[in-house]
Amino acid sequence: MKMAIAVRTDLKIGKGKIAAQVAHGAVMNVLKIINSSNKEWKEWLNVWLNEGQPKIVVKVPDLNELLSRVDIAKNERIPYSVVEDAGKTQITPGTITCVSFGPSPDFLIDKVTGDLKLL
């Protein structure tokens, strides 16, 4: 099991901002799963929590590429969360900065992000 967070590289935001956005995505997905009725997602979450919560952070060049990954996640029935910035510091409110995928089995996450490079 793992979680992957795909971050846009075209936004030119600072490292701290990226770290915060990635953290938002991870938390959002965990809460989404906890509040869902999807038993399979809950099982995946429990295994992931017991395995030490493995996460990878990958990069995408722009919003279009990021949203194409969301489409794959939808088709594979993988939990995902789209992170939109509040716009209080570096970028415009509502800007989509990253998307978190999973936790899900590795082979499913790899269908979404396996070809992307690490950030």
C-alpha atoms as a PDB file:
ATOM      1  CA  MET A   1       0.000   0.000   0.000  1.00  0.00           C
ATOM      2  CA  LYS A   2       1.104   3.522  -0.652  1.00  0.00           C
ATOM      3  CA  MET A   3      -0.091   7.044  -1.177  1.00  0.00           C
ATOM      4  CA  ALA A   4       1.186   9.229  -3.986  1.00  0.00           C
ATOM      5  CA  ILE A   5       0.910  12.988  -4.147  1.00  0.00           C
ATOM      6  CA  ALA A   6       1.369  14.611  -7.557  1.00  0.00           C
ATOM      7  CA  VAL A   7       2.540  18.236  -7.429  1.00  0.00           C
ATOM      8  CA  ARG A   8       2.418  20.799 -10.230  1.00  0.00           C
ATOM      9  CA  THR A   9       5.848  22.194 -11.126  1.00  0.00           C
ATOM     10  CA  ASP A  10       4.577  25.089 -13.244  1.00  0.00           C
ATOM     11  CA  LEU A  11       3.447  27.117 -10.228  1.00  0.00           C
ATOM     12  CA  LYS A  12       6.934  28.077  -9.018  1.00  0.00           C
ATOM     13  CA  ILE A  13       6.015  27.964  -5.340  1.00  0.00           C
ATOM     14  CA  GLY A  14       8.482  27.601  -2.483  1.00  0.00           C
ATOM     15  CA  LYS A  15       9.545  24.330  -0.869  1.00  0.00           C
ATOM     16  CA  GLY A  16       7.682  25.097   2.334  1.00  0.00           C
ATOM     17  CA  LYS A  17       4.504  25.823   0.408  1.00  0.00           C
ATOM     18  CA  ILE A  18       4.890  22.552  -1.499  1.00  0.00           C
ATOM     19  CA  ALA A  19       5.371  20.657   1.763  1.00  0.00           C
ATOM     20  CA  ALA A  20       2.219  22.218   3.209  1.00  0.00           C
ATOM     21  CA  GLN A  21       0.182  21.388   0.101  1.00  0.00           C
ATOM     22  CA  VAL A  22       1.390  17.778   0.130  1.00  0.00           C
ATOM     23  CA  ALA A  23       0.457  17.497   3.810  1.00  0.00           C
ATOM     24  CA  HIS A  24      -3.000  18.901   3.059  1.00  0.00           C
ATOM     25  CA  GLY A  25      -3.464  16.240   0.388  1.00  0.00           C
ATOM     26  CA  ALA A  26      -2.437  13.383   2.662  1.00  0.00           C
ATOM     27  CA  VAL A  27      -4.720  14.525   5.467  1.00  0.00           C
ATOM     28  CA  MET A  28      -7.609  15.152   3.079  1.00  0.00           C
ATOM     29  CA  ASN A  29      -7.455  11.609   1.724  1.00  0.00           C
ATOM     30  CA  VAL A  30      -7.300  10.000   5.143  1.00  0.00           C
ATOM     31  CA  LEU A  31     -10.330  12.021   6.258  1.00  0.00           C
ATOM     32  CA  LYS A  32     -12.154  11.240   3.016  1.00  0.00           C
ATOM     33  CA  ILE A  33     -11.683   7.528   3.603  1.00  0.00           C
ATOM     34  CA  ILE A  34     -12.626   7.686   7.282  1.00  0.00           C
ATOM     35  CA  ASN A  35     -15.834   9.505   6.380  1.00  0.00           C
ATOM     36  CA  SER A  36     -16.703   7.257   3.430  1.00  0.00           C
ATOM     37  CA  SER A  37     -18.786   4.113   3.415  1.00  0.00           C
ATOM     38  CA  ASN A  38     -16.295   2.347   1.126  1.00  0.00           C
ATOM     39  CA  LYS A  39     -15.156  -0.738   3.049  1.00  0.00           C
ATOM     40  CA  GLU A  40     -12.350  -1.543   0.624  1.00  0.00           C
ATOM     41  CA  TRP A  41     -10.829   1.953   1.060  1.00  0.00           C
ATOM     42  CA  LYS A  42     -11.058   1.559   4.839  1.00  0.00           C
ATOM     43  CA  GLU A  43      -9.246  -1.792   4.642  1.00  0.00           C
ATOM     44  CA  TRP A  44      -6.539  -0.206   2.487  1.00  0.00           C
ATOM     45  CA  LEU A  45      -6.217   2.650   4.982  1.00  0.00           C
ATOM     46  CA  ASN A  46      -5.781   0.275   7.919  1.00  0.00           C
ATOM     47  CA  VAL A  47      -3.095  -1.746   6.139  1.00  0.00           C
ATOM     48  CA  TRP A  48      -1.325   1.470   5.073  1.00  0.00           C
ATOM     49  CA  LEU A  49      -1.401   2.833   8.634  1.00  0.00           C
ATOM     50  CA  ASN A  50       0.087  -0.408   9.963  1.00  0.00           C
ATOM     51  CA  GLU A  51       2.809  -0.387   7.283  1.00  0.00           C
ATOM     52  CA  GLY A  52       4.105   3.044   8.338  1.00  0.00           C
ATOM     53  CA  GLN A  53       2.099   5.171   5.863  1.00  0.00           C
ATOM     54  CA  PRO A  54       4.395   4.967   2.810  1.00  0.00           C
ATOM     55  CA  LYS A  55       4.111   8.034   0.591  1.00  0.00           C
ATOM     56  CA  ILE A  56       5.788   9.238  -2.579  1.00  0.00           C
ATOM     57  CA  VAL A  57       5.724  12.732  -4.013  1.00  0.00           C
ATOM     58  CA  VAL A  58       5.917  13.041  -7.775  1.00  0.00           C
ATOM     59  CA  LYS A  59       5.828  15.938 -10.191  1.00  0.00           C
ATOM     60  CA  VAL A  60       3.560  16.876 -13.067  1.00  0.00           C
ATOM     61  CA  PRO A  61       4.280  19.739 -15.451  1.00  0.00           C
ATOM     62  CA  ASP A  62       0.873  21.430 -15.367  1.00  0.00           C
ATOM     63  CA  LEU A  63      -2.796  21.344 -14.443  1.00  0.00           C
ATOM     64  CA  ASN A  64      -3.887  19.407 -17.536  1.00  0.00           C
ATOM     65  CA  GLU A  65      -1.506  16.561 -16.749  1.00  0.00           C
ATOM     66  CA  LEU A  66      -2.613  16.562 -13.115  1.00  0.00           C
ATOM     67  CA  LEU A  67      -6.284  16.350 -14.066  1.00  0.00           C
ATOM     68  CA  SER A  68      -5.579  13.528 -16.517  1.00  0.00           C
ATOM     69  CA  ARG A  69      -4.240  11.568 -13.517  1.00  0.00           C
ATOM     70  CA  VAL A  70      -7.471  12.265 -11.648  1.00  0.00           C
ATOM     71  CA  ASP A  71      -9.395  10.676 -14.518  1.00  0.00           C
ATOM     72  CA  ILE A  72      -7.284   7.525 -14.201  1.00  0.00           C
ATOM     73  CA  ALA A  73      -7.890   7.419 -10.437  1.00  0.00           C
ATOM     74  CA  LYS A  74     -11.639   7.748 -10.989  1.00  0.00           C
ATOM     75  CA  ASN A  75     -11.585   4.853 -13.469  1.00  0.00           C
ATOM     76  CA  GLU A  76      -9.562   2.687 -11.070  1.00  0.00           C
ATOM     77  CA  ARG A  77     -11.755   3.650  -8.086  1.00  0.00           C
ATOM     78  CA  ILE A  78      -8.803   4.972  -6.125  1.00  0.00           C
ATOM     79  CA  PRO A  79      -9.466   7.564  -3.437  1.00  0.00           C
ATOM     80  CA  TYR A  80      -8.079  10.961  -4.355  1.00  0.00           C
ATOM     81  CA  SER A  81      -8.247  14.542  -3.128  1.00  0.00           C
ATOM     82  CA  VAL A  82      -7.679  17.693  -5.134  1.00  0.00           C
ATOM     83  CA  VAL A  83      -5.855  20.371  -3.138  1.00  0.00           C
ATOM     84  CA  GLU A  84      -6.838  23.968  -3.843  1.00  0.00           C
ATOM     85  CA  ASP A  85      -4.784  26.697  -2.210  1.00  0.00           C
ATOM     86  CA  ALA A  86      -6.473  29.274   0.004  1.00  0.00           C
ATOM     87  CA  GLY A  87      -4.397  31.983  -1.657  1.00  0.00           C
ATOM     88  CA  LYS A  88      -3.135  33.641   1.509  1.00  0.00           C
ATOM     89  CA  THR A  89       0.526  33.719   0.536  1.00  0.00           C
ATOM     90  CA  GLN A  90       2.086  32.873  -2.820  1.00  0.00           C
ATOM     91  CA  ILE A  91      -0.675  32.046  -5.316  1.00  0.00           C
ATOM     92  CA  THR A  92      -4.228  32.950  -6.302  1.00  0.00           C
ATOM     93  CA  PRO A  93      -7.069  31.510  -4.186  1.00  0.00           C
ATOM     94  CA  GLY A  94      -8.494  28.316  -5.644  1.00  0.00           C
ATOM     95  CA  THR A  95      -5.352  27.330  -7.525  1.00  0.00           C
ATOM     96  CA  ILE A  96      -5.067  23.537  -7.724  1.00  0.00           C
ATOM     97  CA  THR A  97      -1.585  22.706  -6.459  1.00  0.00           C
ATOM     98  CA  CYS A  98      -1.559  18.934  -6.110  1.00  0.00           C
ATOM     99  CA  VAL A  99      -3.630  15.785  -5.896  1.00  0.00           C
ATOM    100  CA  SER A 100      -3.202  12.937  -3.438  1.00  0.00           C
ATOM    101  CA  PHE A 101      -3.976   9.368  -4.522  1.00  0.00           C
ATOM    102  CA  GLY A 102      -4.577   6.473  -2.136  1.00  0.00           C
ATOM    103  CA  PRO A 103      -3.607   4.818   0.034  1.00  0.00           C
ATOM    104  CA  SER A 104      -4.235   1.953  -2.324  1.00  0.00           C
ATOM    105  CA  PRO A 105      -2.389  -1.167  -3.438  1.00  0.00           C
ATOM    106  CA  ASP A 106       0.887  -0.335  -5.161  1.00  0.00           C
ATOM    107  CA  PHE A 107      -0.210  -1.690  -8.539  1.00  0.00           C
ATOM    108  CA  LEU A 108      -3.206   0.675  -8.588  1.00  0.00           C
ATOM    109  CA  ILE A 109      -1.193   3.733  -7.565  1.00  0.00           C
ATOM    110  CA  ASP A 110       1.369   2.826 -10.213  1.00  0.00           C
ATOM    111  CA  LYS A 111      -1.372   2.976 -12.862  1.00  0.00           C
ATOM    112  CA  VAL A 112      -1.881   6.632 -11.907  1.00  0.00           C
ATOM    113  CA  THR A 113       1.618   7.869 -11.071  1.00  0.00           C
ATOM    114  CA  GLY A 114       4.097   5.086 -11.875  1.00  0.00           C
ATOM    115  CA  ASP A 115       5.542   6.861 -14.900  1.00  0.00           C
ATOM    116  CA  LEU A 116       6.117  10.179 -13.102  1.00  0.00           C
ATOM    117  CA  LYS A 117       9.445  11.312 -11.668  1.00  0.00           C
ATOM    118  CA  LEU A 118       9.971  11.993  -7.984  1.00  0.00           C
ATOM    119  CA  LEU A 119       9.813  15.623  -6.945  1.00  0.00           C
END
